[in-house]
Amino acid sequence: MLIYGALITMLLLISGLLSGIVRLTAYGLLSAILATAGILASLPDYYLFIVLGLIIMLVGGILMISFTRKYPLSPKVVES
């Protein structure tokens, strides 16, 4: 558990810092917090990965909805 948590945390933090995407850095910190909480609470590993994945999917869905509202598809013009 500690190795998986540290690996995912390091990958997310490094990619977030190198790319300048703050969201990835926040995911890395969240991963570290979840790994620490999982170790302290003796939770199974898969619960923490499921929670992290659900949070990432939720944020992605929110970003997708806000993007499609900001940039809607233009109506198609029917040529006759």
C-alpha atoms as a PDB file:
ATOM      1  CA  MET A   1       0.000   0.000   0.000  1.00  0.00           C
ATOM      2  CA  LEU A   2       2.754   2.397   0.910  1.00  0.00           C
ATOM      3  CA  ILE A   3       4.636   1.700  -2.315  1.00  0.00           C
ATOM      4  CA  TYR A   4       1.524   2.198  -4.487  1.00  0.00           C
ATOM      5  CA  GLY A   5       0.558   5.383  -2.669  1.00  0.00           C
ATOM      6  CA  ALA A   6       4.071   6.805  -2.914  1.00  0.00           C
ATOM      7  CA  LEU A   7       4.404   5.899  -6.593  1.00  0.00           C
ATOM      8  CA  ILE A   8       1.094   7.447  -7.616  1.00  0.00           C
ATOM      9  CA  THR A   9       1.736  10.493  -5.449  1.00  0.00           C
ATOM     10  CA  MET A  10       5.166  11.071  -6.941  1.00  0.00           C
ATOM     11  CA  LEU A  11       3.954  10.607 -10.525  1.00  0.00           C
ATOM     12  CA  LEU A  12       1.065  13.015 -10.079  1.00  0.00           C
ATOM     13  CA  LEU A  13       3.128  15.607  -8.223  1.00  0.00           C
ATOM     14  CA  ILE A  14       5.995  15.526 -10.732  1.00  0.00           C
ATOM     15  CA  SER A  15       3.688  15.686 -13.750  1.00  0.00           C
ATOM     16  CA  GLY A  16       1.695  18.495 -12.146  1.00  0.00           C
ATOM     17  CA  LEU A  17       4.782  20.526 -11.328  1.00  0.00           C
ATOM     18  CA  LEU A  18       6.448  19.996 -14.713  1.00  0.00           C
ATOM     19  CA  SER A  19       3.330  20.759 -16.738  1.00  0.00           C
ATOM     20  CA  GLY A  20       2.065  23.576 -14.528  1.00  0.00           C
ATOM     21  CA  ILE A  21      -1.343  21.932 -14.117  1.00  0.00           C
ATOM     22  CA  VAL A  22      -2.360  22.609 -10.533  1.00  0.00           C
ATOM     23  CA  ARG A  23      -5.099  19.972 -10.669  1.00  0.00           C
ATOM     24  CA  LEU A  24      -2.538  17.175 -11.067  1.00  0.00           C
ATOM     25  CA  THR A  25      -0.592  18.454  -8.084  1.00  0.00           C
ATOM     26  CA  ALA A  26      -3.819  18.480  -6.060  1.00  0.00           C
ATOM     27  CA  TYR A  27      -4.497  14.877  -7.151  1.00  0.00           C
ATOM     28  CA  GLY A  28      -1.017  13.939  -5.955  1.00  0.00           C
ATOM     29  CA  LEU A  29      -1.613  15.510  -2.568  1.00  0.00           C
ATOM     30  CA  LEU A  30      -5.026  13.845  -2.350  1.00  0.00           C
ATOM     31  CA  SER A  31      -3.396  10.530  -3.168  1.00  0.00           C
ATOM     32  CA  ALA A  32      -0.903  11.014  -0.330  1.00  0.00           C
ATOM     33  CA  ILE A  33      -3.699  11.883   2.089  1.00  0.00           C
ATOM     34  CA  LEU A  34      -5.754   8.860   1.034  1.00  0.00           C
ATOM     35  CA  ALA A  35      -2.751   6.532   1.322  1.00  0.00           C
ATOM     36  CA  THR A  36      -1.960   7.825   4.791  1.00  0.00           C
ATOM     37  CA  ALA A  37      -5.583   7.535   5.886  1.00  0.00           C
ATOM     38  CA  GLY A  38      -5.775   4.021   4.463  1.00  0.00           C
ATOM     39  CA  ILE A  39      -2.689   2.913   6.342  1.00  0.00           C
ATOM     40  CA  LEU A  40      -3.895   4.431   9.607  1.00  0.00           C
ATOM     41  CA  ALA A  41      -7.412   3.012   9.264  1.00  0.00           C
ATOM     42  CA  SER A  42      -6.247  -0.378   7.929  1.00  0.00           C
ATOM     43  CA  LEU A  43      -8.563  -0.119   4.911  1.00  0.00           C
ATOM     44  CA  PRO A  44      -8.166  -2.390   1.874  1.00  0.00           C
ATOM     45  CA  ASP A  45      -6.073  -0.916  -0.936  1.00  0.00           C
ATOM     46  CA  TYR A  46      -8.805  -1.037  -3.532  1.00  0.00           C
ATOM     47  CA  TYR A  47     -11.112   1.272  -1.526  1.00  0.00           C
ATOM     48  CA  LEU A  48      -8.591   4.075  -1.713  1.00  0.00           C
ATOM     49  CA  PHE A  49      -8.006   3.611  -5.436  1.00  0.00           C
ATOM     50  CA  ILE A  50     -11.756   3.584  -6.031  1.00  0.00           C
ATOM     51  CA  VAL A  51     -12.195   6.812  -4.039  1.00  0.00           C
ATOM     52  CA  LEU A  52      -9.316   8.505  -5.856  1.00  0.00           C
ATOM     53  CA  GLY A  53     -10.676   7.369  -9.234  1.00  0.00           C
ATOM     54  CA  LEU A  54     -14.192   8.564  -8.426  1.00  0.00           C
ATOM     55  CA  ILE A  55     -12.909  11.983  -7.363  1.00  0.00           C
ATOM     56  CA  ILE A  56     -10.853  12.304 -10.555  1.00  0.00           C
ATOM     57  CA  MET A  57     -13.873  11.258 -12.653  1.00  0.00           C
ATOM     58  CA  LEU A  58     -16.140  13.721 -10.835  1.00  0.00           C
ATOM     59  CA  VAL A  59     -13.740  16.614 -11.432  1.00  0.00           C
ATOM     60  CA  GLY A  60     -13.348  15.549 -15.071  1.00  0.00           C
ATOM     61  CA  GLY A  61     -17.120  15.450 -15.530  1.00  0.00           C
ATOM     62  CA  ILE A  62     -17.509  18.905 -14.002  1.00  0.00           C
ATOM     63  CA  LEU A  63     -14.779  20.278 -16.267  1.00  0.00           C
ATOM     64  CA  MET A  64     -16.387  18.676 -19.323  1.00  0.00           C
ATOM     65  CA  ILE A  65     -19.811  20.130 -18.498  1.00  0.00           C
ATOM     66  CA  SER A  66     -18.382  23.610 -17.922  1.00  0.00           C
ATOM     67  CA  PHE A  67     -16.396  23.387 -21.183  1.00  0.00           C
ATOM     68  CA  THR A  68     -19.409  22.334 -23.239  1.00  0.00           C
ATOM     69  CA  ARG A  69     -21.482  25.138 -21.736  1.00  0.00           C
ATOM     70  CA  LYS A  70     -18.778  27.690 -22.475  1.00  0.00           C
ATOM     71  CA  TYR A  71     -18.114  26.391 -26.008  1.00  0.00           C
ATOM     72  CA  PRO A  72     -21.338  24.830 -27.335  1.00  0.00           C
ATOM     73  CA  LEU A  73     -21.470  23.179 -30.726  1.00  0.00           C
ATOM     74  CA  SER A  74     -22.444  25.538 -33.502  1.00  0.00           C
ATOM     75  CA  PRO A  75     -25.683  24.673 -35.243  1.00  0.00           C
ATOM     76  CA  LYS A  76     -25.204  22.845 -38.535  1.00  0.00           C
ATOM     77  CA  VAL A  77     -26.278  24.726 -41.618  1.00  0.00           C
ATOM     78  CA  VAL A  78     -28.401  22.697 -44.029  1.00  0.00           C
ATOM     79  CA  GLU A  79     -27.576  23.543 -47.628  1.00  0.00           C
ATOM     80  CA  SER A  80     -30.375  23.236 -50.169  1.00  0.00           C
END
